[in-house]
């Protein structure tokens, strides 16, 4: 403390003046008298003593008032005259000032000192009857992180009396500092509450930690379920409760520098009880375990370092959107020429097609003019004239070598002729009385005529590059290379009468041009050469993919197909890989096939992108139906764990208190969604039960059909009352497995009904397989039927057959049997034919297996699924009532489960990119009592909802000031999970898609006592 700030044991200036006055009088009297006279210093000593006592009393009053305000804080002002003065942003600080005033008033009432005839006393002035008047006397501020409290009391009145007569009265301000961390306790508790109220996207806090925690659990368990672990309920309320309490621990550490030891122990116990650790691999990132359980990572864990990947959770953070089956679809479409586009055969034909044209170009060498008429004499009149022309063609020879004439053009024939036109004109003249006379004149016109025949290659897809050689045998296959153009050119010239005739007509008029289309012979090896090159490209294109955030895909915020189409467009030239000069028409045809194929791939990807846009719109509608914006869900899904808060002390070693440790103490320490005896919860009546947490989680896509999934798919797949063949087949398998270990008449009847429906839906699959074999092979009808039935027989029943048809297994088996049958009969050992068979069956069966024509009645599926669940639950209860999920799996020989779940990310499951699911989570909680104390325990701040009253006007009756608010919270968030394509997907399969805890009841879900009203009686 600075000396200037310390007014302890100071004497008021007015008192010094009184003493000086008295002293001067005494001194004057002494001059007038003989001998010494005594000096009375009683007033001086009295003033000094009362000043010291007042300061000490104030310090005690402030310390006691601060601790009392912490024990019974007011954070919400009452709607009373006294409470209204405390209302506002700083209610607690106003309340603390009021308590300090009242304590100081009471303390000053006893501060008095007498000495001889002198008396000194201190008071807070005139009577104070209202809160605003009281507050004007006190100001407060925190010192050293709020661990000490500095208080200034204004208008202290010090009165000095001598012989009952007031000799001085002065108003002074007094400032004291006490080591009570009341402001640190309150402010840190408010910061804790702020973290509980924080929006998860905008700032760290409970909601963010809860979101990361439940996402970590759901992703880990979802991947475990996808991998085959018997997990029926991916995200349960016990997981939400655990993550909520882990988030509370995190918020406590951030706000107070410590967490409640009992709460930390409760989280550890709940972690074991919940079984979360069962799904964490020993190699799991410790940051994920921390996110799920609230435990602090090892100090040397990677997330303590600046690691760019430390925020990643062990789940499908991104989805690879690949060309995949679209490559096969485009390939088969090119082979067949579907949708009116060019087929591979037509491209090869066009590649070996050219137009051969003959024409003549005329240039003038000499162009004379007819001589002017010249009369034989005078008075002769021209009455008639006649011109005759004699045409001769001079020159001979031709060139038939191939000469480049332009890009894709060649000159195949050239002949040059000189055409001479000799003109003779005869004019007849007459004159009166004279015999008519005739005069003659002549002249010549000379032209040069070039007769050419050009061959031009037909247009084909692909880059326009020079072709060398062409119209002569050569090229990579040593084929004819359109050499037929030479013969065609000669035929054209001959049909027009030869070069002389064409040259004559070019000058005199007549037909000089003609054209014909030449389709050249193709090398025998062209077909396999182009096909194999194309399959190499197909396989390369199939592997192309783009990575998109899984959360973006799950929430409909990204169009992977559109990105993929853009990628293929961008790399089109690279994939075509056209040379700067084609090595003959075979090379040009090969590249044309590549270009046409890529154009088909892009077109199909564009169609996929449009379907994805429609699906994304449906996902948005599904979120809207649950009151959550898809964009917000997407941001929540991208949240990553915040760094853990280290332990800390508040204040400094050189401060009034020194370093101070704050320890939170929640009651109950672990907020459970189950009732807790009131005897274990301070602030709650012992004979009641308290539920500190109400939680709810809703699985948005529990099954790949039903109301929510229908919102997404109805515009794409038609009737929402029907289920995909894959989902129906998986449900049928699950029902069969349940029957294998449990005799249940209801389940058997429903299984049989669903089996009939699935078998009926397999009819179109059979017919499509036979038609494809008829198109692509030379097998007989009986052989085709045998191949298809043998392929189906590999799977024992409609359920497995339906799944095999949907996942491509049936197509692969059918193709292998068909190829083997053809080879055995000696009808083919052609690798091209074999690849074409396999490709056609892959595409055709995938198309029919995902079409509307094979979808199964949703009612039949749901009935079987419901019966399956009940049978599995009964069996599990009979086998091991307290078994874990792994124990149930062992006891039932792995027959529990098998029901599909989740939303396949692909409108038609072809191609199936991934399966996603979303859980909407709500958590509402409150501590019955929440206290924060110092490590020494001398000051405790309590929030338990207690009302506070004080006697402000000293009339003997307490006025209601307000109450302290319980520490509570409300969180609504989402957890997004994505797993790879295939399998049974991901999601809750136990039939409870809307899981609510006991305290989630109408009319207002939330923490409560187990009473008819939900209200709690105070202890």
Foldseek 3Di string as FASTA:
>chain_A
DDPVQDCQLPADPVVVVVLVVQVVVLVVVPVVDDDDDDDDCFLVVFRSQLRNQLQVQLQVLLQVLLQVCQAFPFDDWDPDQQQVVLDDDRNRQLVSLLSSLVSSQVSQVPRKDGDDQKIKGKHQDDFDAHSVVSSVQKDWDADFLLQKIKMKGWQIWMFMAGNNHTPDIDGDIHIDMGRHSSVLFVVLVVQLLCLQADDLLPDHHLQLLLLLQQQLQLQLQQVVVLVQFLDQFSGFVLQSLQSNLLRSQLSCCVRFLHAFPLSLVVLVVSCVVVCSVVSADPPFQVQSVCSRRNDADDCPGPVVDPDPCSQDHPGCQKFKFALALLLLVLLLCQCVVPPVHHHLVVLLQLLQKKKKKKFKDKDWDDDDDWDDDDDPDPQKDWDDKDKDKDKDKDDDDKDQDWADDDQQKTWGIKDKIKMKIKMKMKIWIDHPPDDIDIDMDIDMIIMMMMMIMMMGRGDFDDDRAHEPPALDQFFPLSDRLVVVSNVVNVVQQVVCPHPRNLRVCVVVNDDNMDMDMDRDDDDPCLVVVLLVLSVVLSVVRRPDIDIDGQLCLQLLNDQRLVVSLVVLVVCVCVSLVQDNYAHGSSSVSSSSSSRSSSVSSSVVSVVQSVLSNLLSVLSQVLCVVVVHGSVQQSSSQPRGDDNRRHRAWTGDCPDPNHTWRKYKDFFVSRQALDWDACVRGAFFDRRWTWHFKWKKKFWSWQACADDSNCSSFCVPAPDSQWAALLLLLLLLLLLVLLCVQDPDPQLVVLSVVSQVQLVVLCVVLLVLQLVLCVVLHPDDSVLSNVLLVVLLVVDPGSSVSLNCLQVVVSLVSSLVSSQVVCVVVVNDPDPSSSVSSSSSSSVRSNVSSLHSSRTGGNVSSVSNLVVSLVSLVVVLCVQDVPDDSSRSCVSSVNSRDRRAIFHFSGNRVVPGGWGKIKMKMKMKGWTCKMWMAIPVRPRIRIARFDWDWANSSPPPDTDTTRRGHTSIHIHIHMHMRIDGDDGRHGHNSNPCSMHIRPQCDPPDRHIFIPDPVRHGDTD
